[in-house]
Amino acid sequence: MSSPNATSPTTHHTDPMMDQKTLDIAVIAGVVTVVAFVLVSLLILTLHYMFRHKGTYHTNEAKGTEFAESADVALQGDPSLQDAGDSSKKEYFI
């Protein structure tokens, strides 16, 4: 009647509340992981931007004027200030 090789039907009693709890934990863990990844990515991008653009200040001053002994000498080589007029008149705008 019953053979030793016959498999007996196994009954797995799964609790629906346990499955729901496991699913809830998995969803919460997934959401926390995604939020943490986004925050770390934003932190890395912000730090990269801050250190990459640190101290970038561009001026439109003429090159070589920082070592001139006076304002006259510094401005003599500036082509935008060269004119055919009298060089004895000097005007300084402050």
PDB file of N, CA and C in Angstrom:
ATOM      1  N   MET A   1       0.735  -1.107   0.000  1.00  0.00           N
ATOM      2  CA  MET A   1       0.000   0.000   0.000  1.00  0.00           C
ATOM      3  C   MET A   1       0.831   1.251   0.000  1.00  0.00           C
ATOM      4  N   SER A   2       1.562   1.538   0.956  1.00  0.00           N
ATOM      5  CA  SER A   2       2.407   2.712   0.788  1.00  0.00           C
ATOM      6  C   SER A   2       3.825   2.229   0.595  1.00  0.00           C
ATOM      7  N   SER A   3       4.434   2.747  -0.385  1.00  0.00           N
ATOM      8  CA  SER A   3       5.804   2.333  -0.675  1.00  0.00           C
ATOM      9  C   SER A   3       6.768   3.290   0.023  1.00  0.00           C
ATOM     10  N   PRO A   4       7.956   2.810   0.326  1.00  0.00           N
ATOM     11  CA  PRO A   4       8.904   3.668   1.023  1.00  0.00           C
ATOM     12  C   PRO A   4       9.427   4.815   0.149  1.00  0.00           C
ATOM     13  N   ASN A   5       9.306   4.665  -1.160  1.00  0.00           N
ATOM     14  CA  ASN A   5       9.796   5.698  -2.047  1.00  0.00           C
ATOM     15  C   ASN A   5       8.747   6.770  -2.337  1.00  0.00           C
ATOM     16  N   ALA A   6       7.586   6.562  -1.913  1.00  0.00           N
ATOM     17  CA  ALA A   6       6.527   7.517  -2.197  1.00  0.00           C
ATOM     18  C   ALA A   6       6.735   8.774  -1.344  1.00  0.00           C
ATOM     19  N   THR A   7       6.487   9.891  -1.966  1.00  0.00           N
ATOM     20  CA  THR A   7       6.652  11.143  -1.221  1.00  0.00           C
ATOM     21  C   THR A   7       5.325  11.498  -0.588  1.00  0.00           C
ATOM     22  N   SER A   8       5.435  11.886   0.606  1.00  0.00           N
ATOM     23  CA  SER A   8       4.215  12.285   1.284  1.00  0.00           C
ATOM     24  C   SER A   8       3.973  13.760   0.988  1.00  0.00           C
ATOM     25  N   PRO A   9       2.777  14.132   0.825  1.00  0.00           N
ATOM     26  CA  PRO A   9       2.511  15.539   0.532  1.00  0.00           C
ATOM     27  C   PRO A   9       2.906  16.402   1.730  1.00  0.00           C
ATOM     28  N   THR A  10       3.742  17.356   1.437  1.00  0.00           N
ATOM     29  CA  THR A  10       4.169  18.255   2.511  1.00  0.00           C
ATOM     30  C   THR A  10       3.264  19.465   2.486  1.00  0.00           C
ATOM     31  N   THR A  11       2.938  19.858   3.622  1.00  0.00           N
ATOM     32  CA  THR A  11       2.070  21.016   3.715  1.00  0.00           C
ATOM     33  C   THR A  11       2.875  22.173   4.281  1.00  0.00           C
ATOM     34  N   HIS A  12       2.939  23.259   3.509  1.00  0.00           N
ATOM     35  CA  HIS A  12       3.612  24.474   3.955  1.00  0.00           C
ATOM     36  C   HIS A  12       2.524  25.446   4.365  1.00  0.00           C
ATOM     37  N   HIS A  13       2.502  25.689   5.614  1.00  0.00           N
ATOM     38  CA  HIS A  13       1.527  26.638   6.109  1.00  0.00           C
ATOM     39  C   HIS A  13       2.211  27.997   6.192  1.00  0.00           C
ATOM     40  N   THR A  14       1.884  28.844   5.242  1.00  0.00           N
ATOM     41  CA  THR A  14       2.474  30.182   5.267  1.00  0.00           C
ATOM     42  C   THR A  14       1.454  31.134   5.858  1.00  0.00           C
ATOM     43  N   ASP A  15       1.936  31.931   6.728  1.00  0.00           N
ATOM     44  CA  ASP A  15       1.090  32.901   7.397  1.00  0.00           C
ATOM     45  C   ASP A  15       1.015  34.155   6.515  1.00  0.00           C
ATOM     46  N   PRO A  16      -0.183  34.569   6.098  1.00  0.00           N
ATOM     47  CA  PRO A  16      -0.281  35.757   5.239  1.00  0.00           C
ATOM     48  C   PRO A  16       0.218  37.020   5.923  1.00  0.00           C
ATOM     49  N   MET A  17       0.090  37.105   7.220  1.00  0.00           N
ATOM     50  CA  MET A  17       0.592  38.288   7.929  1.00  0.00           C
ATOM     51  C   MET A  17       2.117  38.327   7.895  1.00  0.00           C
ATOM     52  N   MET A  18       2.758  37.147   7.960  1.00  0.00           N
ATOM     53  CA  MET A  18       4.217  37.091   7.904  1.00  0.00           C
ATOM     54  C   MET A  18       4.704  37.496   6.527  1.00  0.00           C
ATOM     55  N   ASP A  19       4.022  37.073   5.477  1.00  0.00           N
ATOM     56  CA  ASP A  19       4.392  37.459   4.120  1.00  0.00           C
ATOM     57  C   ASP A  19       4.240  38.960   3.921  1.00  0.00           C
ATOM     58  N   GLN A  20       3.206  39.549   4.467  1.00  0.00           N
ATOM     59  CA  GLN A  20       2.968  40.987   4.337  1.00  0.00           C
ATOM     60  C   GLN A  20       4.052  41.772   5.079  1.00  0.00           C
ATOM     61  N   LYS A  21       4.442  41.287   6.261  1.00  0.00           N
ATOM     62  CA  LYS A  21       5.497  41.958   7.023  1.00  0.00           C
ATOM     63  C   LYS A  21       6.826  41.904   6.276  1.00  0.00           C
ATOM     64  N   THR A  22       7.124  40.753   5.688  1.00  0.00           N
ATOM     65  CA  THR A  22       8.359  40.603   4.931  1.00  0.00           C
ATOM     66  C   THR A  22       8.355  41.524   3.721  1.00  0.00           C
ATOM     67  N   LEU A  23       7.233  41.632   3.045  1.00  0.00           N
ATOM     68  CA  LEU A  23       7.115  42.511   1.895  1.00  0.00           C
ATOM     69  C   LEU A  23       7.257  43.972   2.315  1.00  0.00           C
ATOM     70  N   ASP A  24       6.642  44.349   3.422  1.00  0.00           N
ATOM     71  CA  ASP A  24       6.765  45.723   3.915  1.00  0.00           C
ATOM     72  C   ASP A  24       8.214  46.069   4.244  1.00  0.00           C
ATOM     73  N   ILE A  25       8.901  45.145   4.902  1.00  0.00           N
ATOM     74  CA  ILE A  25      10.307  45.383   5.260  1.00  0.00           C
ATOM     75  C   ILE A  25      11.154  45.526   3.997  1.00  0.00           C
ATOM     76  N   ALA A  26      10.890  44.702   2.994  1.00  0.00           N
ATOM     77  CA  ALA A  26      11.653  44.772   1.749  1.00  0.00           C
ATOM     78  C   ALA A  26      11.414  46.098   1.032  1.00  0.00           C
ATOM     79  N   VAL A  27      10.192  46.566   1.012  1.00  0.00           N
ATOM     80  CA  VAL A  27       9.872  47.836   0.358  1.00  0.00           C
ATOM     81  C   VAL A  27      10.524  49.002   1.103  1.00  0.00           C
ATOM     82  N   ILE A  28      10.441  48.988   2.412  1.00  0.00           N
ATOM     83  CA  ILE A  28      11.045  50.052   3.213  1.00  0.00           C
ATOM     84  C   ILE A  28      12.563  50.056   3.025  1.00  0.00           C
ATOM     85  N   ALA A  29      13.172  48.887   3.024  1.00  0.00           N
ATOM     86  CA  ALA A  29      14.619  48.800   2.828  1.00  0.00           C
ATOM     87  C   ALA A  29      15.013  49.317   1.444  1.00  0.00           C
ATOM     88  N   GLY A  30      14.219  49.007   0.435  1.00  0.00           N
ATOM     89  CA  GLY A  30      14.497  49.498  -0.913  1.00  0.00           C
ATOM     90  C   GLY A  30      14.388  51.009  -1.010  1.00  0.00           C
ATOM     91  N   VAL A  31      13.364  51.578  -0.386  1.00  0.00           N
ATOM     92  CA  VAL A  31      13.180  53.036  -0.417  1.00  0.00           C
ATOM     93  C   VAL A  31      14.316  53.732   0.338  1.00  0.00           C
ATOM     94  N   VAL A  32      14.688  53.203   1.484  1.00  0.00           N
ATOM     95  CA  VAL A  32      15.784  53.793   2.255  1.00  0.00           C
ATOM     96  C   VAL A  32      17.091  53.716   1.472  1.00  0.00           C
ATOM     97  N   THR A  33      17.333  52.623   0.789  1.00  0.00           N
ATOM     98  CA  THR A  33      18.541  52.467  -0.012  1.00  0.00           C
ATOM     99  C   THR A  33      18.579  53.481  -1.155  1.00  0.00           C
ATOM    100  N   VAL A  34      17.472  53.660  -1.846  1.00  0.00           N
ATOM    101  CA  VAL A  34      17.416  54.617  -2.958  1.00  0.00           C
ATOM    102  C   VAL A  34      17.615  56.047  -2.451  1.00  0.00           C
ATOM    103  N   VAL A  35      16.975  56.402  -1.356  1.00  0.00           N
ATOM    104  CA  VAL A  35      17.134  57.750  -0.799  1.00  0.00           C
ATOM    105  C   VAL A  35      18.579  57.978  -0.365  1.00  0.00           C
ATOM    106  N   ALA A  36      19.191  57.010   0.278  1.00  0.00           N
ATOM    107  CA  ALA A  36      20.586  57.142   0.708  1.00  0.00           C
ATOM    108  C   ALA A  36      21.507  57.296  -0.497  1.00  0.00           C
ATOM    109  N   PHE A  37      21.269  56.543  -1.551  1.00  0.00           N
ATOM    110  CA  PHE A  37      22.087  56.635  -2.768  1.00  0.00           C
ATOM    111  C   PHE A  37      21.957  58.012  -3.406  1.00  0.00           C
ATOM    112  N   VAL A  38      20.742  58.539  -3.466  1.00  0.00           N
ATOM    113  CA  VAL A  38      20.529  59.870  -4.055  1.00  0.00           C
ATOM    114  C   VAL A  38      21.218  60.940  -3.212  1.00  0.00           C
ATOM    115  N   LEU A  39      21.110  60.857  -1.900  1.00  0.00           N
ATOM    116  CA  LEU A  39      21.754  61.839  -1.030  1.00  0.00           C
ATOM    117  C   LEU A  39      23.275  61.798  -1.147  1.00  0.00           C
ATOM    118  N   VAL A  40      23.847  60.615  -1.194  1.00  0.00           N
ATOM    119  CA  VAL A  40      25.298  60.497  -1.344  1.00  0.00           C
ATOM    120  C   VAL A  40      25.731  61.036  -2.703  1.00  0.00           C
ATOM    121  N   SER A  41      24.965  60.758  -3.743  1.00  0.00           N
ATOM    122  CA  SER A  41      25.291  61.274  -5.074  1.00  0.00           C
ATOM    123  C   SER A  41      25.240  62.794  -5.101  1.00  0.00           C
ATOM    124  N   LEU A  42      24.219  63.385  -4.497  1.00  0.00           N
ATOM    125  CA  LEU A  42      24.123  64.844  -4.446  1.00  0.00           C
ATOM    126  C   LEU A  42      25.266  65.448  -3.639  1.00  0.00           C
ATOM    127  N   LEU A  43      25.660  64.797  -2.562  1.00  0.00           N
ATOM    128  CA  LEU A  43      26.780  65.279  -1.767  1.00  0.00           C
ATOM    129  C   LEU A  43      28.072  65.257  -2.578  1.00  0.00           C
ATOM    130  N   ILE A  44      28.295  64.193  -3.309  1.00  0.00           N
ATOM    131  CA  ILE A  44      29.501  64.090  -4.140  1.00  0.00           C
ATOM    132  C   ILE A  44      29.491  65.158  -5.226  1.00  0.00           C
ATOM    133  N   LEU A  45      28.370  65.357  -5.886  1.00  0.00           N
ATOM    134  CA  LEU A  45      28.290  66.386  -6.924  1.00  0.00           C
ATOM    135  C   LEU A  45      28.493  67.783  -6.349  1.00  0.00           C
ATOM    136  N   THR A  46      27.915  68.047  -5.192  1.00  0.00           N
ATOM    137  CA  THR A  46      28.077  69.366  -4.568  1.00  0.00           C
ATOM    138  C   THR A  46      29.532  69.613  -4.176  1.00  0.00           C
ATOM    139  N   LEU A  47      30.175  68.635  -3.563  1.00  0.00           N
ATOM    140  CA  LEU A  47      31.579  68.793  -3.186  1.00  0.00           C
ATOM    141  C   LEU A  47      32.465  68.954  -4.414  1.00  0.00           C
ATOM    142  N   HIS A  48      32.178  68.208  -5.457  1.00  0.00           N
ATOM    143  CA  HIS A  48      32.947  68.326  -6.700  1.00  0.00           C
ATOM    144  C   HIS A  48      32.812  69.726  -7.282  1.00  0.00           C
ATOM    145  N   TYR A  49      31.616  70.254  -7.303  1.00  0.00           N
ATOM    146  CA  TYR A  49      31.390  71.595  -7.835  1.00  0.00           C
ATOM    147  C   TYR A  49      32.082  72.646  -6.973  1.00  0.00           C
ATOM    148  N   MET A  50      31.990  72.502  -5.661  1.00  0.00           N
ATOM    149  CA  MET A  50      32.586  73.492  -4.766  1.00  0.00           C
ATOM    150  C   MET A  50      34.108  73.533  -4.906  1.00  0.00           C
ATOM    151  N   PHE A  51      34.752  72.384  -4.967  1.00  0.00           N
ATOM    152  CA  PHE A  51      36.202  72.372  -5.041  1.00  0.00           C
ATOM    153  C   PHE A  51      36.718  72.621  -6.452  1.00  0.00           C
ATOM    154  N   ARG A  52      35.922  72.324  -7.443  1.00  0.00           N
ATOM    155  CA  ARG A  52      36.346  72.563  -8.824  1.00  0.00           C
ATOM    156  C   ARG A  52      36.326  74.050  -9.141  1.00  0.00           C
ATOM    157  N   HIS A  53      35.351  74.781  -8.642  1.00  0.00           N
ATOM    158  CA  HIS A  53      35.198  76.196  -8.952  1.00  0.00           C
ATOM    159  C   HIS A  53      35.719  77.095  -7.833  1.00  0.00           C
ATOM    160  N   LYS A  54      36.538  76.560  -6.991  1.00  0.00           N
ATOM    161  CA  LYS A  54      37.063  77.346  -5.881  1.00  0.00           C
ATOM    162  C   LYS A  54      38.109  78.328  -6.398  1.00  0.00           C
ATOM    163  N   GLY A  55      37.902  79.593  -6.115  1.00  0.00           N
ATOM    164  CA  GLY A  55      38.895  80.592  -6.443  1.00  0.00           C
ATOM    165  C   GLY A  55      38.948  81.012  -7.892  1.00  0.00           C
ATOM    166  N   THR A  56      37.950  80.728  -8.682  1.00  0.00           N
ATOM    167  CA  THR A  56      37.972  81.169 -10.070  1.00  0.00           C
ATOM    168  C   THR A  56      37.433  82.579 -10.136  1.00  0.00           C
ATOM    169  N   TYR A  57      38.339  83.500 -10.318  1.00  0.00           N
ATOM    170  CA  TYR A  57      37.975  84.904 -10.400  1.00  0.00           C
ATOM    171  C   TYR A  57      38.748  85.487 -11.573  1.00  0.00           C
ATOM    172  N   HIS A  58      38.037  85.917 -12.579  1.00  0.00           N
ATOM    173  CA  HIS A  58      38.661  86.438 -13.787  1.00  0.00           C
ATOM    174  C   HIS A  58      38.545  87.949 -13.811  1.00  0.00           C
ATOM    175  N   THR A  59      39.664  88.598 -14.135  1.00  0.00           N
ATOM    176  CA  THR A  59      39.653  90.053 -14.241  1.00  0.00           C
ATOM    177  C   THR A  59      39.905  90.447 -15.692  1.00  0.00           C
ATOM    178  N   ASN A  60      39.564  91.642 -16.018  1.00  0.00           N
ATOM    179  CA  ASN A  60      39.785  92.151 -17.365  1.00  0.00           C
ATOM    180  C   ASN A  60      40.902  93.189 -17.374  1.00  0.00           C
ATOM    181  N   GLU A  61      41.815  93.079 -16.453  1.00  0.00           N
ATOM    182  CA  GLU A  61      42.914  94.024 -16.375  1.00  0.00           C
ATOM    183  C   GLU A  61      43.977  93.657 -17.397  1.00  0.00           C
ATOM    184  N   ALA A  62      44.767  94.652 -17.764  1.00  0.00           N
ATOM    185  CA  ALA A  62      45.849  94.427 -18.717  1.00  0.00           C
ATOM    186  C   ALA A  62      46.921  93.549 -18.080  1.00  0.00           C
ATOM    187  N   LYS A  63      47.546  92.721 -18.887  1.00  0.00           N
ATOM    188  CA  LYS A  63      48.589  91.840 -18.378  1.00  0.00           C
ATOM    189  C   LYS A  63      49.860  92.629 -18.119  1.00  0.00           C
ATOM    190  N   GLY A  64      50.543  92.324 -17.057  1.00  0.00           N
ATOM    191  CA  GLY A  64      51.815  92.942 -16.744  1.00  0.00           C
ATOM    192  C   GLY A  64      51.717  94.246 -15.994  1.00  0.00           C
ATOM    193  N   THR A  65      50.550  94.666 -15.612  1.00  0.00           N
ATOM    194  CA  THR A  65      50.429  95.948 -14.912  1.00  0.00           C
ATOM    195  C   THR A  65      50.652  95.818 -13.415  1.00  0.00           C
ATOM    196  N   GLU A  66      50.730  94.620 -12.881  1.00  0.00           N
ATOM    197  CA  GLU A  66      50.867  94.484 -11.434  1.00  0.00           C
ATOM    198  C   GLU A  66      52.272  94.838 -10.952  1.00  0.00           C
ATOM    199  N   PHE A  67      53.275  94.899 -11.863  1.00  0.00           N
ATOM    200  CA  PHE A  67      54.642  95.189 -11.447  1.00  0.00           C
ATOM    201  C   PHE A  67      55.078  96.607 -11.833  1.00  0.00           C
ATOM    202  N   ALA A  68      54.173  97.411 -12.337  1.00  0.00           N
ATOM    203  CA  ALA A  68      54.519  98.779 -12.722  1.00  0.00           C
ATOM    204  C   ALA A  68      54.714  99.633 -11.487  1.00  0.00           C
ATOM    205  N   GLU A  69      55.632 100.615 -11.607  1.00  0.00           N
ATOM    206  CA  GLU A  69      55.926 101.442 -10.432  1.00  0.00           C
ATOM    207  C   GLU A  69      54.905 102.529 -10.207  1.00  0.00           C
ATOM    208  N   SER A  70      54.139 102.902 -11.241  1.00  0.00           N
ATOM    209  CA  SER A  70      53.101 103.912 -11.055  1.00  0.00           C
ATOM    210  C   SER A  70      51.959 103.639 -12.029  1.00  0.00           C
ATOM    211  N   ALA A  71      50.863 104.372 -11.856  1.00  0.00           N
ATOM    212  CA  ALA A  71      49.712 104.192 -12.741  1.00  0.00           C
ATOM    213  C   ALA A  71      50.035 104.652 -14.158  1.00  0.00           C
ATOM    214  N   ASP A  72      50.877 105.701 -14.292  1.00  0.00           N
ATOM    215  CA  ASP A  72      51.256 106.183 -15.627  1.00  0.00           C
ATOM    216  C   ASP A  72      51.987 105.107 -16.422  1.00  0.00           C
ATOM    217  N   VAL A  73      52.926 104.469 -15.781  1.00  0.00           N
ATOM    218  CA  VAL A  73      53.720 103.447 -16.453  1.00  0.00           C
ATOM    219  C   VAL A  73      52.838 102.248 -16.797  1.00  0.00           C
ATOM    220  N   ALA A  74      51.940 101.894 -15.921  1.00  0.00           N
ATOM    221  CA  ALA A  74      51.075 100.737 -16.148  1.00  0.00           C
ATOM    222  C   ALA A  74      50.134 100.972 -17.317  1.00  0.00           C
ATOM    223  N   LEU A  75      49.682 102.207 -17.491  1.00  0.00           N
ATOM    224  CA  LEU A  75      48.698 102.499 -18.532  1.00  0.00           C
ATOM    225  C   LEU A  75      49.319 102.940 -19.853  1.00  0.00           C
ATOM    226  N   GLN A  76      50.630 103.135 -19.932  1.00  0.00           N
ATOM    227  CA  GLN A  76      51.258 103.578 -21.170  1.00  0.00           C
ATOM    228  C   GLN A  76      51.136 102.543 -22.275  1.00  0.00           C
ATOM    229  N   GLY A  77      51.202 101.278 -21.943  1.00  0.00           N
ATOM    230  CA  GLY A  77      51.158 100.240 -22.963  1.00  0.00           C
ATOM    231  C   GLY A  77      49.762  99.782 -23.324  1.00  0.00           C
ATOM    232  N   ASP A  78      48.744 100.334 -22.710  1.00  0.00           N
ATOM    233  CA  ASP A  78      47.370  99.914 -22.981  1.00  0.00           C
ATOM    234  C   ASP A  78      46.906 100.514 -24.298  1.00  0.00           C
ATOM    235  N   PRO A  79      46.625  99.682 -25.313  1.00  0.00           N
ATOM    236  CA  PRO A  79      46.243 100.223 -26.631  1.00  0.00           C
ATOM    237  C   PRO A  79      44.892 100.940 -26.634  1.00  0.00           C
ATOM    238  N   SER A  80      44.019 100.633 -25.695  1.00  0.00           N
ATOM    239  CA  SER A  80      42.725 101.314 -25.676  1.00  0.00           C
ATOM    240  C   SER A  80      42.842 102.744 -25.187  1.00  0.00           C
ATOM    241  N   LEU A  81      43.948 103.079 -24.514  1.00  0.00           N
ATOM    242  CA  LEU A  81      44.141 104.428 -24.004  1.00  0.00           C
ATOM    243  C   LEU A  81      45.047 105.278 -24.897  1.00  0.00           C
ATOM    244  N   GLN A  82      45.572 104.694 -25.955  1.00  0.00           N
ATOM    245  CA  GLN A  82      46.447 105.431 -26.871  1.00  0.00           C
ATOM    246  C   GLN A  82      45.598 106.284 -27.796  1.00  0.00           C
ATOM    247  N   ASP A  83      45.919 107.562 -27.886  1.00  0.00           N
ATOM    248  CA  ASP A  83      45.235 108.427 -28.839  1.00  0.00           C
ATOM    249  C   ASP A  83      46.250 109.414 -29.410  1.00  0.00           C
ATOM    250  N   ALA A  84      45.845 110.110 -30.431  1.00  0.00           N
ATOM    251  CA  ALA A  84      46.745 111.046 -31.095  1.00  0.00           C
ATOM    252  C   ALA A  84      46.754 112.402 -30.413  1.00  0.00           C
ATOM    253  N   GLY A  85      46.056 112.558 -29.339  1.00  0.00           N
ATOM    254  CA  GLY A  85      45.941 113.845 -28.645  1.00  0.00           C
ATOM    255  C   GLY A  85      47.182 114.172 -27.846  1.00  0.00           C
ATOM    256  N   ASP A  86      47.099 115.237 -27.130  1.00  0.00           N
ATOM    257  CA  ASP A  86      48.201 115.720 -26.314  1.00  0.00           C
ATOM    258  C   ASP A  86      48.412 114.783 -25.136  1.00  0.00           C
ATOM    259  N   SER A  87      49.660 114.355 -24.920  1.00  0.00           N
ATOM    260  CA  SER A  87      49.944 113.441 -23.821  1.00  0.00           C
ATOM    261  C   SER A  87      50.242 114.188 -22.534  1.00  0.00           C
ATOM    262  N   SER A  88      50.248 115.544 -22.562  1.00  0.00           N
ATOM    263  CA  SER A  88      50.505 116.291 -21.337  1.00  0.00           C
ATOM    264  C   SER A  88      49.275 116.354 -20.439  1.00  0.00           C
ATOM    265  N   LYS A  89      48.089 116.169 -21.033  1.00  0.00           N
ATOM    266  CA  LYS A  89      46.858 116.156 -20.231  1.00  0.00           C
ATOM    267  C   LYS A  89      46.659 114.740 -19.700  1.00  0.00           C
ATOM    268  N   LYS A  90      46.488 114.634 -18.427  1.00  0.00           N
ATOM    269  CA  LYS A  90      46.251 113.330 -17.822  1.00  0.00           C
ATOM    270  C   LYS A  90      44.999 113.422 -16.984  1.00  0.00           C
ATOM    271  N   GLU A  91      44.136 112.493 -17.172  1.00  0.00           N
ATOM    272  CA  GLU A  91      42.921 112.423 -16.382  1.00  0.00           C
ATOM    273  C   GLU A  91      42.835 111.066 -15.712  1.00  0.00           C
ATOM    274  N   TYR A  92      42.465 111.074 -14.468  1.00  0.00           N
ATOM    275  CA  TYR A  92      42.299 109.845 -13.730  1.00  0.00           C
ATOM    276  C   TYR A  92      40.887 109.804 -13.171  1.00  0.00           C
ATOM    277  N   PHE A  93      40.210 108.737 -13.424  1.00  0.00           N
ATOM    278  CA  PHE A  93      38.860 108.566 -12.908  1.00  0.00           C
ATOM    279  C   PHE A  93      38.912 107.588 -11.750  1.00  0.00           C
ATOM    280  N   ILE A  94      38.392 108.021 -10.658  1.00  0.00           N
ATOM    281  CA  ILE A  94      38.428 107.151  -9.482  1.00  0.00           C
ATOM    282  C   ILE A  94      37.011 106.719  -9.173  1.00  0.00           C
TER     283      ILE A  94
END
